C-alpha atoms as a PDB file:
ATOM      1  CA  MET A   1       8.981  -5.096   4.892  1.00  0.00           C
ATOM      2  CA  ASP A   2       5.921  -7.024   3.825  1.00  0.00           C
ATOM      3  CA  VAL A   3       3.398  -5.190   1.670  1.00  0.00           C
ATOM      4  CA  LEU A   4      -0.108  -6.657   1.590  1.00  0.00           C
ATOM      5  CA  TYR A   5      -2.843  -5.930  -0.928  1.00  0.00           C
ATOM      6  CA  PHE A   6      -6.547  -6.603  -0.359  1.00  0.00           C
ATOM      7  CA  ALA A   7      -9.708  -6.719  -2.514  1.00  0.00           C
ATOM      8  CA  TRP A   8      -9.459  -4.925  -5.878  1.00  0.00           C
ATOM      9  CA  VAL A   9      -5.959  -3.665  -5.046  1.00  0.00           C
ATOM     10  CA  ARG A  10      -4.780  -7.297  -4.958  1.00  0.00           C
ATOM     11  CA  GLU A  11      -6.669  -8.024  -8.183  1.00  0.00           C
ATOM     12  CA  ARG A  12      -4.998  -5.154 -10.040  1.00  0.00           C
ATOM     13  CA  ILE A  13      -1.494  -5.913  -8.775  1.00  0.00           C
ATOM     14  CA  GLY A  14      -1.873  -9.676  -9.077  1.00  0.00           C
ATOM     15  CA  VAL A  15      -0.358 -10.762  -5.755  1.00  0.00           C
ATOM     16  CA  PRO A  16      -1.707 -10.722  -2.202  1.00  0.00           C
ATOM     17  CA  LYS A  17       1.650 -10.025  -0.528  1.00  0.00           C
ATOM     18  CA  GLU A  18       5.262  -9.271  -1.349  1.00  0.00           C
ATOM     19  CA  ALA A  19       8.490  -8.463   0.447  1.00  0.00           C
ATOM     20  CA  VAL A  20       9.683  -4.995  -0.508  1.00  0.00           C
ATOM     21  CA  THR A  21      13.031  -3.365   0.103  1.00  0.00           C
ATOM     22  CA  THR A  22      12.546   0.392   0.149  1.00  0.00           C
ATOM     23  CA  GLN A  23      14.302   3.638   0.915  1.00  0.00           C
ATOM     24  CA  ALA A  24      10.938   5.370   1.397  1.00  0.00           C
ATOM     25  CA  ALA A  25      10.515   7.395   4.584  1.00  0.00           C
ATOM     26  CA  THR A  26       6.703   7.528   4.417  1.00  0.00           C
ATOM     27  CA  VAL A  27       3.842   5.468   3.032  1.00  0.00           C
ATOM     28  CA  ALA A  28       3.354   8.080   0.290  1.00  0.00           C
ATOM     29  CA  GLU A  29       6.972   7.652  -0.811  1.00  0.00           C
ATOM     30  CA  LEU A  30       6.508   3.874  -0.827  1.00  0.00           C
ATOM     31  CA  VAL A  31       3.460   4.293  -3.061  1.00  0.00           C
ATOM     32  CA  GLU A  32       5.503   6.412  -5.486  1.00  0.00           C
ATOM     33  CA  GLU A  33       8.202   3.704  -5.597  1.00  0.00           C
ATOM     34  CA  LEU A  34       5.599   1.034  -6.264  1.00  0.00           C
ATOM     35  CA  LYS A  35       3.864   3.105  -8.957  1.00  0.00           C
ATOM     36  CA  ALA A  36       7.188   3.481 -10.772  1.00  0.00           C
ATOM     37  CA  ARG A  37       7.658  -0.316 -10.938  1.00  0.00           C
ATOM     38  CA  GLU A  38       5.020  -1.276 -13.489  1.00  0.00           C
ATOM     39  CA  GLU A  39       1.741  -0.126 -14.990  1.00  0.00           C
ATOM     40  CA  ARG A  40      -0.278  -2.501 -12.789  1.00  0.00           C
ATOM     41  CA  TYR A  41       0.972  -0.697  -9.662  1.00  0.00           C
ATOM     42  CA  ALA A  42       0.346   2.700 -11.235  1.00  0.00           C
ATOM     43  CA  MET A  43      -3.237   1.638 -11.958  1.00  0.00           C
ATOM     44  CA  ALA A  44      -3.794   0.283  -8.457  1.00  0.00           C
ATOM     45  CA  PHE A  45      -2.498   3.462  -6.822  1.00  0.00           C
ATOM     46  CA  ALA A  46      -3.908   5.976  -9.315  1.00  0.00           C
ATOM     47  CA  ASP A  47      -6.493   7.357  -6.872  1.00  0.00           C
ATOM     48  CA  LEU A  48      -5.231   7.374  -3.277  1.00  0.00           C
ATOM     49  CA  SER A  49      -8.556   8.775  -2.065  1.00  0.00           C
ATOM     50  CA  ALA A  50     -10.015   5.346  -2.897  1.00  0.00           C
ATOM     51  CA  LEU A  51      -7.486   3.565  -0.662  1.00  0.00           C
ATOM     52  CA  ARG A  52      -6.806   3.091   3.015  1.00  0.00           C
ATOM     53  CA  VAL A  53      -3.538   2.000   4.560  1.00  0.00           C
ATOM     54  CA  ALA A  54      -2.548   0.150   7.704  1.00  0.00           C
ATOM     55  CA  VAL A  55       0.959   0.236   9.136  1.00  0.00           C
ATOM     56  CA  ASP A  56       1.793  -2.713  11.368  1.00  0.00           C
ATOM     57  CA  GLN A  57      -1.934  -3.517  11.498  1.00  0.00           C
ATOM     58  CA  GLU A  58      -3.057  -0.043  12.601  1.00  0.00           C
ATOM     59  CA  LEU A  59      -4.912   2.395  10.361  1.00  0.00           C
ATOM     60  CA  ALA A  60      -2.608   5.190   9.246  1.00  0.00           C
ATOM     61  CA  ASP A  61      -2.348   8.128   6.866  1.00  0.00           C
ATOM     62  CA  PHE A  62      -0.218   8.171   3.748  1.00  0.00           C
ATOM     63  CA  ASP A  63       2.228  10.511   5.496  1.00  0.00           C
ATOM     64  CA  ALA A  64       2.897   7.871   8.192  1.00  0.00           C
ATOM     65  CA  PRO A  65       6.600   7.156   8.732  1.00  0.00           C
ATOM     66  CA  LEU A  66       8.022   3.766   7.763  1.00  0.00           C
ATOM     67  CA  LYS A  67      10.970   3.636  10.156  1.00  0.00           C
ATOM     68  CA  ASP A  68      11.090   0.164  11.767  1.00  0.00           C
ATOM     69  CA  VAL A  69       7.776  -0.832  10.124  1.00  0.00           C
ATOM     70  CA  ARG A  70       7.365  -4.536   9.382  1.00  0.00           C
ATOM     71  CA  GLU A  71       4.096  -4.480   7.413  1.00  0.00           C
ATOM     72  CA  VAL A  72       2.096  -2.096   5.247  1.00  0.00           C
ATOM     73  CA  ALA A  73      -1.333  -3.075   3.937  1.00  0.00           C
ATOM     74  CA  PHE A  74      -3.406  -1.355   1.253  1.00  0.00           C
ATOM     75  CA  PHE A  75      -7.161  -1.855   0.917  1.00  0.00           C
ATOM     76  CA  PRO A  76     -10.321  -0.049  -0.196  1.00  0.00           C
ATOM     77  CA  PRO A  77     -12.497   1.687   2.399  1.00  0.00           C
ATOM     78  CA  MET A  78     -14.613  -0.734   4.355  1.00  0.00           C
ATOM     79  CA  THR A  79     -18.358  -0.468   4.622  1.00  0.00           C
ATOM     80  CA  GLY A  80     -20.597  -1.702   7.399  1.00  0.00           C
ATOM     81  CA  GLY A  81     -23.289  -4.202   6.928  1.00  0.00           C
END
């Protein structure tokens, strides 16, 4: 699946997008796999309350299933303006 990072998440990880092979069943499990990769991922995902996630371009919760998912995106909360 493709994993996309936006705003400061992208800045901390250092890439805007990457293809990830995972055994994770949920977004939360994917986050744990990513955090275990390197310190930069651990820093980016240190506070999940400061992040939002979209699964196949629809807002989702971190307990969302990943079966047959093609894309997961992580980004900070958006503000209006």
